[in-house]
């Protein structure tokens, strides 16, 4: 059972050089990802003079996030596992693949990376707005909550299948690509409804810099529920306790 493998971790882990290096990698990777993703939206708004949302804007957001995440996961994979997302870290934790203390370090680094990326974007663009995630007209918070659960479930399930599963074999080489693709595809599916965050850090940075918190809880609760469910389902159904011993505690 995955619950048997959940670990708090030792206090000294919070200051261990390897853990701090991993947290730094998460900070940099998240900064890279959010700068590209949020920046693409700001560039679209500038080119259209803050015009109405359009299919072209949705496609550009999908591509920017898919490409950005592919790179962010790739450059962080050998150091921290390239989570780049508190929901991924939470999914790894409930499956027993990362300790709580290391997970908290990752969360702090991811959130800081997103805030710094948005602050840099605001400065570099001369004060343009870093738009916070918001619900579209006619979309309720519960609609968005379900969207975020399902989309993040798909993301974290993909992470497990391509990066965490010890039976992944050569499939692991395309993990960053597969992870980027599922995020890009989910943005095409949910972007017009609630922005398709799937990542509390991605939502947190723009909310802090623009100081806009309307319905912000949805972009935490949905991804964490979806990521946690994916971790439990994949670990319990497809990995299991016996094979879990092969996984290092800090992997992905």
C-alpha atoms as a PDB file:
ATOM      1  CA  UNK A   1       0.000   0.000   0.000  1.00  0.00           C
ATOM      2  CA  UNK A   2       1.366   3.488  -0.843  1.00  0.00           C
ATOM      3  CA  UNK A   3       0.414   4.789   2.602  1.00  0.00           C
ATOM      4  CA  UNK A   4       3.106   2.562   4.122  1.00  0.00           C
ATOM      5  CA  UNK A   5       5.773   4.317   2.088  1.00  0.00           C
ATOM      6  CA  UNK A   6       4.808   7.885   3.003  1.00  0.00           C
ATOM      7  CA  UNK A   7       7.657   9.389   5.010  1.00  0.00           C
ATOM      8  CA  UNK A   8       8.178  12.640   6.888  1.00  0.00           C
ATOM      9  CA  UNK A   9      11.925  12.578   6.402  1.00  0.00           C
ATOM     10  CA  UNK A  10      14.738  13.400   8.799  1.00  0.00           C
ATOM     11  CA  UNK A  11      15.152  17.003  10.046  1.00  0.00           C
ATOM     12  CA  UNK A  12      18.693  17.188   8.697  1.00  0.00           C
ATOM     13  CA  UNK A  13      17.308  16.535   5.219  1.00  0.00           C
ATOM     14  CA  UNK A  14      16.071  20.130   5.086  1.00  0.00           C
ATOM     15  CA  UNK A  15      19.656  21.411   5.184  1.00  0.00           C
ATOM     16  CA  UNK A  16      21.423  18.601   3.329  1.00  0.00           C
ATOM     17  CA  UNK A  17      23.417  19.950   0.345  1.00  0.00           C
ATOM     18  CA  UNK A  18      21.707  17.583  -2.104  1.00  0.00           C
ATOM     19  CA  UNK A  19      18.258  18.675  -0.942  1.00  0.00           C
ATOM     20  CA  UNK A  20      19.201  22.345  -1.191  1.00  0.00           C
ATOM     21  CA  UNK A  21      20.630  21.816  -4.673  1.00  0.00           C
ATOM     22  CA  UNK A  22      17.393  20.086  -5.683  1.00  0.00           C
ATOM     23  CA  UNK A  23      15.346  22.984  -4.304  1.00  0.00           C
ATOM     24  CA  UNK A  24      17.496  25.459  -6.222  1.00  0.00           C
ATOM     25  CA  UNK A  25      16.927  23.423  -9.383  1.00  0.00           C
ATOM     26  CA  UNK A  26      13.164  23.531  -8.779  1.00  0.00           C
ATOM     27  CA  UNK A  27      13.345  27.308  -8.332  1.00  0.00           C
ATOM     28  CA  UNK A  28      15.210  27.783 -11.615  1.00  0.00           C
ATOM     29  CA  UNK A  29      13.073  25.301 -13.561  1.00  0.00           C
ATOM     30  CA  UNK A  30       9.829  26.873 -12.367  1.00  0.00           C
ATOM     31  CA  UNK A  31      11.141  30.341 -13.163  1.00  0.00           C
ATOM     32  CA  UNK A  32      11.989  29.218 -16.702  1.00  0.00           C
ATOM     33  CA  UNK A  33       8.570  27.633 -17.187  1.00  0.00           C
ATOM     34  CA  UNK A  34       6.478  30.462 -15.752  1.00  0.00           C
ATOM     35  CA  UNK A  35       8.486  33.139 -17.543  1.00  0.00           C
ATOM     36  CA  UNK A  36       7.806  31.452 -20.884  1.00  0.00           C
ATOM     37  CA  UNK A  37       4.158  30.586 -20.196  1.00  0.00           C
ATOM     38  CA  UNK A  38       3.051  33.821 -18.547  1.00  0.00           C
ATOM     39  CA  UNK A  39       5.242  35.821 -20.896  1.00  0.00           C
ATOM     40  CA  UNK A  40       3.532  34.349 -23.943  1.00  0.00           C
ATOM     41  CA  UNK A  41       0.177  35.554 -22.638  1.00  0.00           C
ATOM     42  CA  UNK A  42       1.541  39.040 -21.974  1.00  0.00           C
ATOM     43  CA  UNK A  43       3.073  39.144 -25.462  1.00  0.00           C
ATOM     44  CA  UNK A  44      -0.269  38.159 -26.998  1.00  0.00           C
ATOM     45  CA  UNK A  45      -2.047  40.903 -25.068  1.00  0.00           C
ATOM     46  CA  UNK A  46       0.506  43.463 -26.243  1.00  0.00           C
ATOM     47  CA  UNK A  47       0.245  42.397 -29.889  1.00  0.00           C
ATOM     48  CA  UNK A  48      -3.559  42.520 -29.788  1.00  0.00           C
ATOM     49  CA  UNK A  49      -3.777  45.645 -27.595  1.00  0.00           C
ATOM     50  CA  UNK A  50      -5.507  43.577 -24.914  1.00  0.00           C
ATOM     51  CA  UNK A  51      -7.974  42.251 -27.434  1.00  0.00           C
ATOM     52  CA  UNK A  52     -10.513  39.517 -26.802  1.00  0.00           C
ATOM     53  CA  UNK A  53      -9.375  35.927 -26.373  1.00  0.00           C
ATOM     54  CA  UNK A  54      -9.160  33.998 -29.612  1.00  0.00           C
ATOM     55  CA  UNK A  55      -8.281  30.522 -30.883  1.00  0.00           C
ATOM     56  CA  UNK A  56      -4.873  31.850 -31.943  1.00  0.00           C
ATOM     57  CA  UNK A  57      -4.190  33.013 -28.403  1.00  0.00           C
ATOM     58  CA  UNK A  58      -5.187  29.643 -26.987  1.00  0.00           C
ATOM     59  CA  UNK A  59      -2.914  27.806 -29.399  1.00  0.00           C
ATOM     60  CA  UNK A  60       0.011  30.090 -28.640  1.00  0.00           C
ATOM     61  CA  UNK A  61      -0.499  29.563 -24.895  1.00  0.00           C
ATOM     62  CA  UNK A  62      -0.648  25.812 -25.406  1.00  0.00           C
ATOM     63  CA  UNK A  63       2.581  25.760 -27.413  1.00  0.00           C
ATOM     64  CA  UNK A  64       4.455  28.093 -25.063  1.00  0.00           C
ATOM     65  CA  UNK A  65       3.545  26.043 -21.996  1.00  0.00           C
ATOM     66  CA  UNK A  66       4.249  22.719 -23.713  1.00  0.00           C
ATOM     67  CA  UNK A  67       7.660  23.863 -24.971  1.00  0.00           C
ATOM     68  CA  UNK A  68       8.525  25.618 -21.721  1.00  0.00           C
ATOM     69  CA  UNK A  69       7.607  22.632 -19.572  1.00  0.00           C
ATOM     70  CA  UNK A  70       9.478  20.227 -21.833  1.00  0.00           C
ATOM     71  CA  UNK A  71      12.646  22.265 -21.300  1.00  0.00           C
ATOM     72  CA  UNK A  72      12.040  22.881 -17.580  1.00  0.00           C
ATOM     73  CA  UNK A  73      11.509  19.193 -16.818  1.00  0.00           C
ATOM     74  CA  UNK A  74      14.486  18.193 -18.965  1.00  0.00           C
ATOM     75  CA  UNK A  75      16.975  20.517 -17.288  1.00  0.00           C
ATOM     76  CA  UNK A  76      15.791  19.607 -13.792  1.00  0.00           C
ATOM     77  CA  UNK A  77      15.328  15.864 -14.191  1.00  0.00           C
ATOM     78  CA  UNK A  78      18.839  14.821 -13.161  1.00  0.00           C
ATOM     79  CA  UNK A  79      18.960  17.127 -10.124  1.00  0.00           C
ATOM     80  CA  UNK A  80      15.516  17.352  -8.553  1.00  0.00           C
ATOM     81  CA  UNK A  81      13.417  15.214 -10.858  1.00  0.00           C
ATOM     82  CA  UNK A  82      12.050  18.336 -12.554  1.00  0.00           C
ATOM     83  CA  UNK A  83       8.701  18.505 -10.753  1.00  0.00           C
ATOM     84  CA  UNK A  84       8.098  22.204 -11.575  1.00  0.00           C
ATOM     85  CA  UNK A  85       4.674  21.859  -9.956  1.00  0.00           C
ATOM     86  CA  UNK A  86       3.462  21.493  -6.346  1.00  0.00           C
ATOM     87  CA  UNK A  87       0.746  19.097  -7.571  1.00  0.00           C
ATOM     88  CA  UNK A  88       3.393  16.789  -9.050  1.00  0.00           C
ATOM     89  CA  UNK A  89       5.367  16.960  -5.819  1.00  0.00           C
ATOM     90  CA  UNK A  90       2.220  16.169  -3.828  1.00  0.00           C
ATOM     91  CA  UNK A  91       1.389  13.255  -6.125  1.00  0.00           C
ATOM     92  CA  UNK A  92       4.910  11.897  -5.654  1.00  0.00           C
ATOM     93  CA  UNK A  93       4.580  12.307  -1.879  1.00  0.00           C
ATOM     94  CA  UNK A  94       1.287  10.419  -1.492  1.00  0.00           C
ATOM     95  CA  UNK A  95       2.785   7.617  -3.585  1.00  0.00           C
ATOM     96  CA  UNK A  96       5.772   7.414  -1.243  1.00  0.00           C
ATOM     97  CA  UNK A  97       8.295   8.698  -3.768  1.00  0.00           C
ATOM     98  CA  UNK A  98       9.454  11.810  -1.919  1.00  0.00           C
ATOM     99  CA  UNK A  99       9.573  12.725   1.766  1.00  0.00           C
ATOM    100  CA  UNK A 100       7.409  15.448   3.256  1.00  0.00           C
ATOM    101  CA  UNK A 101      10.364  17.634   4.202  1.00  0.00           C
ATOM    102  CA  UNK A 102      11.897  17.498   0.738  1.00  0.00           C
ATOM    103  CA  UNK A 103       8.455  18.113  -0.717  1.00  0.00           C
ATOM    104  CA  UNK A 104       8.061  21.263   1.390  1.00  0.00           C
ATOM    105  CA  UNK A 105      11.450  22.487   0.145  1.00  0.00           C
ATOM    106  CA  UNK A 106      10.273  21.894  -3.412  1.00  0.00           C
ATOM    107  CA  UNK A 107       7.011  23.767  -2.796  1.00  0.00           C
ATOM    108  CA  UNK A 108       8.822  26.808  -1.407  1.00  0.00           C
ATOM    109  CA  UNK A 109      11.250  26.826  -4.327  1.00  0.00           C
ATOM    110  CA  UNK A 110       8.487  26.403  -6.912  1.00  0.00           C
ATOM    111  CA  UNK A 111       6.359  29.207  -5.486  1.00  0.00           C
ATOM    112  CA  UNK A 112       9.329  31.558  -5.226  1.00  0.00           C
ATOM    113  CA  UNK A 113      10.368  30.718  -8.780  1.00  0.00           C
ATOM    114  CA  UNK A 114       6.930  31.631 -10.072  1.00  0.00           C
ATOM    115  CA  UNK A 115       6.787  34.919  -8.140  1.00  0.00           C
ATOM    116  CA  UNK A 116      10.268  35.935  -9.304  1.00  0.00           C
ATOM    117  CA  UNK A 117       9.413  35.054 -12.917  1.00  0.00           C
ATOM    118  CA  UNK A 118       6.288  37.231 -12.821  1.00  0.00           C
ATOM    119  CA  UNK A 119       8.111  40.094 -11.108  1.00  0.00           C
ATOM    120  CA  UNK A 120      10.820  39.956 -13.779  1.00  0.00           C
ATOM    121  CA  UNK A 121       8.171  39.943 -16.507  1.00  0.00           C
ATOM    122  CA  UNK A 122       6.456  42.982 -15.028  1.00  0.00           C
ATOM    123  CA  UNK A 123       9.750  44.841 -14.835  1.00  0.00           C
ATOM    124  CA  UNK A 124      11.011  43.766 -18.276  1.00  0.00           C
ATOM    125  CA  UNK A 125       7.746  44.746 -20.000  1.00  0.00           C
ATOM    126  CA  UNK A 126       7.604  48.180 -18.430  1.00  0.00           C
ATOM    127  CA  UNK A 127       4.854  47.386 -15.965  1.00  0.00           C
ATOM    128  CA  UNK A 128       2.464  45.278 -18.045  1.00  0.00           C
ATOM    129  CA  UNK A 129      -0.055  43.280 -16.016  1.00  0.00           C
ATOM    130  CA  UNK A 130       0.786  39.685 -15.114  1.00  0.00           C
ATOM    131  CA  UNK A 131      -2.768  38.466 -15.401  1.00  0.00           C
ATOM    132  CA  UNK A 132      -3.980  36.110 -12.672  1.00  0.00           C
ATOM    133  CA  UNK A 133      -5.965  33.028 -13.626  1.00  0.00           C
ATOM    134  CA  UNK A 134      -9.699  33.671 -13.828  1.00  0.00           C
ATOM    135  CA  UNK A 135     -12.895  31.871 -14.743  1.00  0.00           C
ATOM    136  CA  UNK A 136     -14.552  32.577 -18.064  1.00  0.00           C
ATOM    137  CA  UNK A 137     -18.084  33.854 -18.302  1.00  0.00           C
ATOM    138  CA  UNK A 138     -20.607  31.149 -17.424  1.00  0.00           C
ATOM    139  CA  UNK A 139     -18.020  28.949 -15.704  1.00  0.00           C
ATOM    140  CA  UNK A 140     -18.633  28.313 -11.991  1.00  0.00           C
ATOM    141  CA  UNK A 141     -15.977  27.559  -9.402  1.00  0.00           C
ATOM    142  CA  UNK A 142     -17.200  23.963  -9.297  1.00  0.00           C
ATOM    143  CA  UNK A 143     -16.909  23.644 -13.068  1.00  0.00           C
ATOM    144  CA  UNK A 144     -13.331  24.891 -12.789  1.00  0.00           C
ATOM    145  CA  UNK A 145     -12.658  22.641  -9.790  1.00  0.00           C
ATOM    146  CA  UNK A 146     -13.582  19.555 -11.821  1.00  0.00           C
ATOM    147  CA  UNK A 147     -11.585  20.785 -14.815  1.00  0.00           C
ATOM    148  CA  UNK A 148      -8.489  21.229 -12.665  1.00  0.00           C
ATOM    149  CA  UNK A 149      -8.885  17.820 -11.002  1.00  0.00           C
ATOM    150  CA  UNK A 150      -9.227  15.951 -14.293  1.00  0.00           C
ATOM    151  CA  UNK A 151      -6.492  17.847 -16.130  1.00  0.00           C
ATOM    152  CA  UNK A 152      -4.011  17.521 -13.263  1.00  0.00           C
ATOM    153  CA  UNK A 153      -4.870  13.850 -12.842  1.00  0.00           C
ATOM    154  CA  UNK A 154      -3.870  13.354 -16.480  1.00  0.00           C
ATOM    155  CA  UNK A 155      -0.653  15.302 -15.963  1.00  0.00           C
ATOM    156  CA  UNK A 156       0.502  13.485 -12.818  1.00  0.00           C
ATOM    157  CA  UNK A 157      -0.571  10.114 -14.211  1.00  0.00           C
ATOM    158  CA  UNK A 158       1.671  10.842 -17.208  1.00  0.00           C
ATOM    159  CA  UNK A 159       4.517  11.743 -14.850  1.00  0.00           C
ATOM    160  CA  UNK A 160       4.125   8.430 -13.041  1.00  0.00           C
ATOM    161  CA  UNK A 161       3.894   6.376 -16.230  1.00  0.00           C
ATOM    162  CA  UNK A 162       6.887   7.940 -17.970  1.00  0.00           C
ATOM    163  CA  UNK A 163       9.176   9.097 -15.148  1.00  0.00           C
ATOM    164  CA  UNK A 164       8.445   7.341 -11.842  1.00  0.00           C
ATOM    165  CA  UNK A 165       7.381   3.810 -12.780  1.00  0.00           C
ATOM    166  CA  UNK A 166      10.449   1.550 -12.337  1.00  0.00           C
ATOM    167  CA  UNK A 167       9.258  -0.483 -15.337  1.00  0.00           C
ATOM    168  CA  UNK A 168       9.327   2.547 -17.646  1.00  0.00           C
ATOM    169  CA  UNK A 169      12.523   1.407 -19.400  1.00  0.00           C
ATOM    170  CA  UNK A 170      13.453   3.492 -22.414  1.00  0.00           C
ATOM    171  CA  UNK A 171      10.124   5.314 -22.148  1.00  0.00           C
ATOM    172  CA  UNK A 172      11.790   7.520 -19.546  1.00  0.00           C
ATOM    173  CA  UNK A 173      13.787   9.262 -22.261  1.00  0.00           C
ATOM    174  CA  UNK A 174      10.627  10.879 -23.629  1.00  0.00           C
ATOM    175  CA  UNK A 175       9.135  11.734 -20.228  1.00  0.00           C
ATOM    176  CA  UNK A 176       9.736  15.514 -20.533  1.00  0.00           C
ATOM    177  CA  UNK A 177       8.174  15.509 -23.999  1.00  0.00           C
ATOM    178  CA  UNK A 178       5.133  13.516 -22.885  1.00  0.00           C
ATOM    179  CA  UNK A 179       4.667  15.767 -19.843  1.00  0.00           C
ATOM    180  CA  UNK A 180       4.886  18.885 -21.993  1.00  0.00           C
ATOM    181  CA  UNK A 181       2.436  17.424 -24.506  1.00  0.00           C
ATOM    182  CA  UNK A 182      -0.237  16.590 -21.910  1.00  0.00           C
ATOM    183  CA  UNK A 183      -0.052  20.111 -20.493  1.00  0.00           C
ATOM    184  CA  UNK A 184      -0.329  21.631 -23.964  1.00  0.00           C
ATOM    185  CA  UNK A 185      -3.262  19.385 -24.830  1.00  0.00           C
ATOM    186  CA  UNK A 186      -5.047  20.180 -21.575  1.00  0.00           C
ATOM    187  CA  UNK A 187      -4.672  23.906 -22.209  1.00  0.00           C
ATOM    188  CA  UNK A 188      -6.406  23.407 -25.539  1.00  0.00           C
ATOM    189  CA  UNK A 189      -9.192  21.591 -23.674  1.00  0.00           C
ATOM    190  CA  UNK A 190      -9.585  23.774 -20.593  1.00  0.00           C
ATOM    191  CA  UNK A 191      -7.884  27.051 -21.344  1.00  0.00           C
ATOM    192  CA  UNK A 192     -11.036  28.715 -22.617  1.00  0.00           C
ATOM    193  CA  UNK A 193     -12.898  27.830 -19.410  1.00  0.00           C
ATOM    194  CA  UNK A 194     -10.590  28.479 -16.465  1.00  0.00           C
ATOM    195  CA  UNK A 195      -7.135  29.054 -17.940  1.00  0.00           C
ATOM    196  CA  UNK A 196      -6.057  25.438 -17.380  1.00  0.00           C
ATOM    197  CA  UNK A 197      -3.509  25.923 -14.608  1.00  0.00           C
ATOM    198  CA  UNK A 198      -2.870  22.349 -13.373  1.00  0.00           C
ATOM    199  CA  UNK A 199      -0.140  23.932 -11.257  1.00  0.00           C
ATOM    200  CA  UNK A 200      -0.586  25.964  -8.050  1.00  0.00           C
ATOM    201  CA  UNK A 201       2.786  27.661  -8.576  1.00  0.00           C
ATOM    202  CA  UNK A 202       1.778  28.856 -12.045  1.00  0.00           C
ATOM    203  CA  UNK A 203      -1.329  30.440 -10.516  1.00  0.00           C
ATOM    204  CA  UNK A 204       0.426  31.779  -7.427  1.00  0.00           C
ATOM    205  CA  UNK A 205       3.051  33.970  -9.102  1.00  0.00           C
ATOM    206  CA  UNK A 206       0.664  36.101 -11.186  1.00  0.00           C
ATOM    207  CA  UNK A 207      -1.757  36.346  -8.252  1.00  0.00           C
ATOM    208  CA  UNK A 208       0.987  37.730  -5.993  1.00  0.00           C
ATOM    209  CA  UNK A 209       2.415  40.206  -8.488  1.00  0.00           C
ATOM    210  CA  UNK A 210      -1.004  41.475  -9.630  1.00  0.00           C
ATOM    211  CA  UNK A 211      -2.468  40.955  -6.136  1.00  0.00           C
ATOM    212  CA  UNK A 212      -5.590  39.290  -7.543  1.00  0.00           C
ATOM    213  CA  UNK A 213      -6.999  36.421  -5.502  1.00  0.00           C
ATOM    214  CA  UNK A 214     -10.502  35.909  -6.883  1.00  0.00           C
ATOM    215  CA  UNK A 215     -11.346  32.174  -6.817  1.00  0.00           C
ATOM    216  CA  UNK A 216      -7.661  31.451  -6.260  1.00  0.00           C
ATOM    217  CA  UNK A 217      -8.448  28.455  -4.049  1.00  0.00           C
ATOM    218  CA  UNK A 218      -9.689  26.546  -7.102  1.00  0.00           C
ATOM    219  CA  UNK A 219      -6.205  26.603  -8.585  1.00  0.00           C
ATOM    220  CA  UNK A 220      -4.815  24.963  -5.453  1.00  0.00           C
ATOM    221  CA  UNK A 221      -7.570  22.560  -4.478  1.00  0.00           C
ATOM    222  CA  UNK A 222      -8.220  21.146  -7.953  1.00  0.00           C
ATOM    223  CA  UNK A 223      -4.595  20.380  -8.873  1.00  0.00           C
ATOM    224  CA  UNK A 224      -3.751  18.945  -5.449  1.00  0.00           C
ATOM    225  CA  UNK A 225      -6.782  16.643  -5.475  1.00  0.00           C
ATOM    226  CA  UNK A 226      -6.100  15.541  -9.059  1.00  0.00           C
ATOM    227  CA  UNK A 227      -2.377  15.059  -8.465  1.00  0.00           C
ATOM    228  CA  UNK A 228      -2.931  13.166  -5.227  1.00  0.00           C
ATOM    229  CA  UNK A 229      -5.481  10.853  -6.832  1.00  0.00           C
ATOM    230  CA  UNK A 230      -3.171  10.125  -9.751  1.00  0.00           C
ATOM    231  CA  UNK A 231      -0.307   9.293  -7.390  1.00  0.00           C
ATOM    232  CA  UNK A 232      -2.440   6.941  -5.319  1.00  0.00           C
ATOM    233  CA  UNK A 233      -4.048   5.221  -8.306  1.00  0.00           C
ATOM    234  CA  UNK A 234      -0.820   4.630 -10.203  1.00  0.00           C
ATOM    235  CA  UNK A 235       1.229   3.625  -7.178  1.00  0.00           C
ATOM    236  CA  UNK A 236      -1.433   1.293  -5.772  1.00  0.00           C
ATOM    237  CA  UNK A 237      -2.595  -0.276  -9.045  1.00  0.00           C
ATOM    238  CA  UNK A 238       0.531  -0.420 -11.189  1.00  0.00           C
ATOM    239  CA  UNK A 239       3.655  -0.141  -9.050  1.00  0.00           C
ATOM    240  CA  UNK A 240       2.775  -1.669  -5.692  1.00  0.00           C
ATOM    241  CA  UNK A 241       4.752  -2.037  -2.495  1.00  0.00           C
ATOM    242  CA  UNK A 242       7.134  -4.760  -3.661  1.00  0.00           C
ATOM    243  CA  UNK A 243       8.544  -2.883  -6.627  1.00  0.00           C
ATOM    244  CA  UNK A 244       8.590   0.420  -4.799  1.00  0.00           C
ATOM    245  CA  UNK A 245      11.817  -0.523  -3.024  1.00  0.00           C
ATOM    246  CA  UNK A 246      13.635   0.060  -6.293  1.00  0.00           C
ATOM    247  CA  UNK A 247      12.809   3.780  -6.249  1.00  0.00           C
ATOM    248  CA  UNK A 248      15.181   6.265  -4.575  1.00  0.00           C
ATOM    249  CA  UNK A 249      13.349   8.573  -2.195  1.00  0.00           C
ATOM    250  CA  UNK A 250      14.408  11.731  -4.029  1.00  0.00           C
ATOM    251  CA  UNK A 251      13.663  10.522  -7.556  1.00  0.00           C
ATOM    252  CA  UNK A 252      11.338  12.709  -9.600  1.00  0.00           C
END
